[in-house]
């Protein structure tokens, strides 16, 4: 089996996608939960989605790594 290339998705990008795409929050609400601006959430969504799609299209391994110090919101904390 060949060694897979990796695409690194930062934890804050993952969290923005989880809040907006999975949990259905708008960017403003996601920003409030993460303690960042709506514009930051928009930037995180754009970069995170591009990385996710690049990993899928190129058959690469997706690695989630710690990124910025944005707080992660756990579903049971809501």
N, C-alpha and C. Protein backbone atom coordinates (compact mmCIF):
# COMPACT_ATOMS: atom_id res chain seq x y z
N UNK A 1 0.85 -1.19 0.00
CA UNK A 1 0.00 0.00 0.00
C UNK A 1 0.89 1.25 0.00
N UNK A 2 0.52 2.21 -0.78
CA UNK A 2 1.34 3.41 -0.89
C UNK A 2 1.15 4.33 0.32
N UNK A 3 2.16 5.13 0.55
CA UNK A 3 2.10 6.12 1.63
C UNK A 3 1.19 7.26 1.18
N UNK A 4 0.20 7.60 1.98
CA UNK A 4 -0.72 8.67 1.61
C UNK A 4 -0.13 10.04 1.90
N UNK A 5 -0.39 10.97 1.02
CA UNK A 5 -0.09 12.36 1.30
C UNK A 5 -1.07 12.81 2.39
N UNK A 6 -0.70 13.81 3.16
CA UNK A 6 -1.60 14.29 4.20
C UNK A 6 -1.99 15.73 3.95
N UNK A 7 -3.19 16.06 4.37
CA UNK A 7 -3.68 17.43 4.38
C UNK A 7 -4.02 17.74 5.83
N UNK A 8 -3.43 18.80 6.37
CA UNK A 8 -3.63 19.17 7.77
C UNK A 8 -4.79 20.15 7.91
N UNK A 9 -5.81 19.75 8.64
CA UNK A 9 -6.96 20.60 8.95
C UNK A 9 -6.78 21.07 10.39
N UNK A 10 -6.74 22.38 10.59
CA UNK A 10 -6.57 22.91 11.94
C UNK A 10 -7.85 22.68 12.74
N UNK A 11 -7.68 22.55 14.04
CA UNK A 11 -8.80 22.28 14.92
C UNK A 11 -9.85 23.39 14.87
N UNK A 12 -9.42 24.65 14.73
CA UNK A 12 -10.39 25.74 14.65
C UNK A 12 -11.18 25.70 13.34
N UNK A 13 -10.56 25.24 12.26
CA UNK A 13 -11.27 25.07 10.99
C UNK A 13 -12.32 23.97 11.14
N UNK A 14 -11.91 22.87 11.75
CA UNK A 14 -12.82 21.75 11.99
C UNK A 14 -14.01 22.20 12.85
N UNK A 15 -13.74 22.95 13.90
CA UNK A 15 -14.81 23.40 14.80
C UNK A 15 -15.78 24.32 14.09
N UNK A 16 -15.29 25.23 13.26
CA UNK A 16 -16.19 26.12 12.51
C UNK A 16 -17.08 25.31 11.58
N UNK A 17 -16.52 24.31 10.91
CA UNK A 17 -17.33 23.46 10.02
C UNK A 17 -18.34 22.65 10.82
N UNK A 18 -17.92 22.14 11.97
CA UNK A 18 -18.85 21.35 12.79
C UNK A 18 -20.04 22.21 13.24
N UNK A 19 -19.74 23.41 13.73
CA UNK A 19 -20.80 24.27 14.22
C UNK A 19 -21.76 24.71 13.10
N UNK A 20 -21.21 25.09 11.95
CA UNK A 20 -22.05 25.60 10.85
C UNK A 20 -22.65 24.48 10.00
N UNK A 21 -21.83 23.56 9.56
CA UNK A 21 -22.28 22.56 8.59
C UNK A 21 -22.99 21.38 9.24
N UNK A 22 -22.57 20.98 10.41
CA UNK A 22 -23.18 19.82 11.06
C UNK A 22 -24.28 20.24 12.02
N UNK A 23 -23.99 21.23 12.87
CA UNK A 23 -24.97 21.65 13.87
C UNK A 23 -25.96 22.70 13.37
N UNK A 24 -25.69 23.29 12.20
CA UNK A 24 -26.63 24.21 11.58
C UNK A 24 -26.63 25.64 12.12
N UNK A 25 -25.58 26.04 12.82
CA UNK A 25 -25.51 27.42 13.32
C UNK A 25 -25.10 28.35 12.18
N UNK A 26 -25.58 29.58 12.22
CA UNK A 26 -25.10 30.54 11.24
C UNK A 26 -23.71 31.02 11.69
N UNK A 27 -23.04 31.76 10.83
CA UNK A 27 -21.67 32.18 11.13
C UNK A 27 -21.59 33.08 12.35
N UNK A 28 -22.59 33.91 12.56
CA UNK A 28 -22.60 34.80 13.72
C UNK A 28 -22.68 33.99 15.02
N UNK A 29 -23.59 33.02 15.07
CA UNK A 29 -23.74 32.19 16.27
C UNK A 29 -22.50 31.33 16.50
N UNK A 30 -21.93 30.80 15.43
CA UNK A 30 -20.71 30.01 15.55
C UNK A 30 -19.57 30.87 16.10
N UNK A 31 -19.47 32.09 15.62
CA UNK A 31 -18.44 33.00 16.10
C UNK A 31 -18.61 33.30 17.58
N UNK A 32 -19.84 33.50 18.02
CA UNK A 32 -20.09 33.74 19.44
C UNK A 32 -19.67 32.54 20.27
N UNK A 33 -19.99 31.35 19.81
CA UNK A 33 -19.63 30.14 20.55
C UNK A 33 -18.12 29.93 20.59
N UNK A 34 -17.43 30.33 19.51
CA UNK A 34 -15.98 30.15 19.44
C UNK A 34 -15.22 31.33 20.02
N UNK A 35 -15.90 32.45 20.26
CA UNK A 35 -15.23 33.64 20.77
C UNK A 35 -14.46 34.40 19.72
N UNK A 36 -14.96 34.34 18.46
CA UNK A 36 -14.31 35.04 17.35
C UNK A 36 -15.38 35.79 16.55
N UNK A 37 -14.95 36.61 15.62
CA UNK A 37 -15.88 37.36 14.79
C UNK A 37 -16.51 36.48 13.71
N UNK A 38 -17.60 36.96 13.14
CA UNK A 38 -18.25 36.25 12.04
C UNK A 38 -17.30 36.13 10.86
N UNK A 39 -16.52 37.19 10.62
CA UNK A 39 -15.55 37.17 9.53
C UNK A 39 -14.49 36.09 9.72
N UNK A 40 -14.07 35.89 10.95
CA UNK A 40 -13.09 34.83 11.23
C UNK A 40 -13.71 33.47 10.96
N UNK A 41 -14.96 33.27 11.36
CA UNK A 41 -15.64 32.00 11.08
C UNK A 41 -15.72 31.80 9.57
N UNK A 42 -16.06 32.83 8.84
CA UNK A 42 -16.15 32.73 7.38
C UNK A 42 -14.81 32.31 6.78
N UNK A 43 -13.73 32.89 7.25
CA UNK A 43 -12.39 32.55 6.78
C UNK A 43 -12.03 31.10 7.14
N UNK A 44 -12.37 30.68 8.36
CA UNK A 44 -12.11 29.31 8.80
C UNK A 44 -12.90 28.30 7.96
N UNK A 45 -14.15 28.63 7.67
CA UNK A 45 -14.98 27.74 6.84
C UNK A 45 -14.38 27.61 5.44
N UNK A 46 -13.99 28.72 4.86
CA UNK A 46 -13.43 28.70 3.50
C UNK A 46 -12.16 27.86 3.44
N UNK A 47 -11.25 28.08 4.36
CA UNK A 47 -9.99 27.33 4.32
C UNK A 47 -10.19 25.87 4.71
N UNK A 48 -11.05 25.61 5.70
CA UNK A 48 -11.30 24.23 6.11
C UNK A 48 -11.99 23.41 5.05
N UNK A 49 -12.99 23.98 4.41
CA UNK A 49 -13.71 23.26 3.34
C UNK A 49 -12.78 22.97 2.16
N UNK A 50 -11.92 23.93 1.83
CA UNK A 50 -10.99 23.71 0.72
C UNK A 50 -10.03 22.56 1.05
N UNK A 51 -9.54 22.51 2.27
CA UNK A 51 -8.64 21.43 2.68
C UNK A 51 -9.35 20.08 2.67
N UNK A 52 -10.58 20.06 3.16
CA UNK A 52 -11.35 18.82 3.18
C UNK A 52 -11.58 18.30 1.76
N UNK A 53 -11.98 19.18 0.87
CA UNK A 53 -12.20 18.78 -0.52
C UNK A 53 -10.90 18.36 -1.20
N UNK A 54 -9.80 19.06 -0.91
CA UNK A 54 -8.52 18.67 -1.48
C UNK A 54 -8.15 17.26 -1.05
N UNK A 55 -8.37 16.92 0.22
CA UNK A 55 -8.07 15.58 0.72
C UNK A 55 -8.94 14.53 0.03
N UNK A 56 -10.21 14.83 -0.18
CA UNK A 56 -11.10 13.88 -0.84
C UNK A 56 -10.75 13.69 -2.31
N UNK A 57 -10.53 14.78 -3.02
CA UNK A 57 -10.24 14.72 -4.45
C UNK A 57 -8.90 14.03 -4.72
N UNK A 58 -7.90 14.32 -3.88
CA UNK A 58 -6.56 13.77 -4.08
C UNK A 58 -6.33 12.44 -3.36
N UNK A 59 -7.39 11.90 -2.72
CA UNK A 59 -7.26 10.65 -1.93
C UNK A 59 -6.13 10.76 -0.91
N UNK A 60 -6.11 11.89 -0.20
CA UNK A 60 -5.09 12.13 0.83
C UNK A 60 -5.67 11.84 2.20
N UNK A 61 -4.77 11.61 3.15
CA UNK A 61 -5.18 11.45 4.54
C UNK A 61 -5.46 12.83 5.12
N UNK A 62 -6.56 12.95 5.86
CA UNK A 62 -6.90 14.21 6.51
C UNK A 62 -6.47 14.11 7.97
N UNK A 63 -5.60 15.02 8.38
CA UNK A 63 -5.09 15.03 9.74
C UNK A 63 -5.61 16.28 10.42
N UNK A 64 -6.24 16.11 11.56
CA UNK A 64 -6.75 17.26 12.32
C UNK A 64 -5.72 17.58 13.39
N UNK A 65 -5.22 18.80 13.33
CA UNK A 65 -4.18 19.20 14.29
C UNK A 65 -4.60 20.46 15.01
N UNK A 66 -4.01 20.66 16.16
CA UNK A 66 -4.33 21.84 16.94
C UNK A 66 -3.90 23.08 16.18
N UNK A 67 -4.79 24.06 16.11
CA UNK A 67 -4.50 25.30 15.40
C UNK A 67 -4.49 26.46 16.37
N UNK A 68 -5.30 27.46 16.10
CA UNK A 68 -5.38 28.64 16.94
C UNK A 68 -6.00 28.27 18.29
N UNK A 69 -5.96 29.20 19.21
CA UNK A 69 -6.43 28.94 20.57
C UNK A 69 -7.93 29.18 20.75
N UNK A 70 -8.72 28.99 19.69
CA UNK A 70 -10.16 29.18 19.81
C UNK A 70 -10.73 28.04 20.63
N UNK A 71 -11.67 28.37 21.49
CA UNK A 71 -12.28 27.36 22.36
C UNK A 71 -13.14 26.41 21.54
N UNK A 72 -13.02 25.13 21.84
CA UNK A 72 -13.85 24.12 21.20
C UNK A 72 -15.13 23.98 22.00
N UNK A 73 -16.26 24.03 21.33
CA UNK A 73 -17.56 23.94 21.99
C UNK A 73 -18.05 22.51 21.87
N UNK A 74 -18.24 21.86 22.98
CA UNK A 74 -18.72 20.49 22.99
C UNK A 74 -20.24 20.49 23.01
N UNK A 75 -20.88 19.60 22.23
CA UNK A 75 -22.34 19.57 22.15
C UNK A 75 -23.03 19.45 23.51
N UNK A 76 -22.44 18.71 24.44
CA UNK A 76 -23.08 18.56 25.74
C UNK A 76 -22.96 19.81 26.61
N UNK A 77 -22.14 20.79 26.21
CA UNK A 77 -21.98 22.04 26.95
C UNK A 77 -22.99 23.09 26.51
N UNK A 78 -23.78 22.81 25.50
CA UNK A 78 -24.66 23.84 24.94
C UNK A 78 -25.91 24.02 25.75
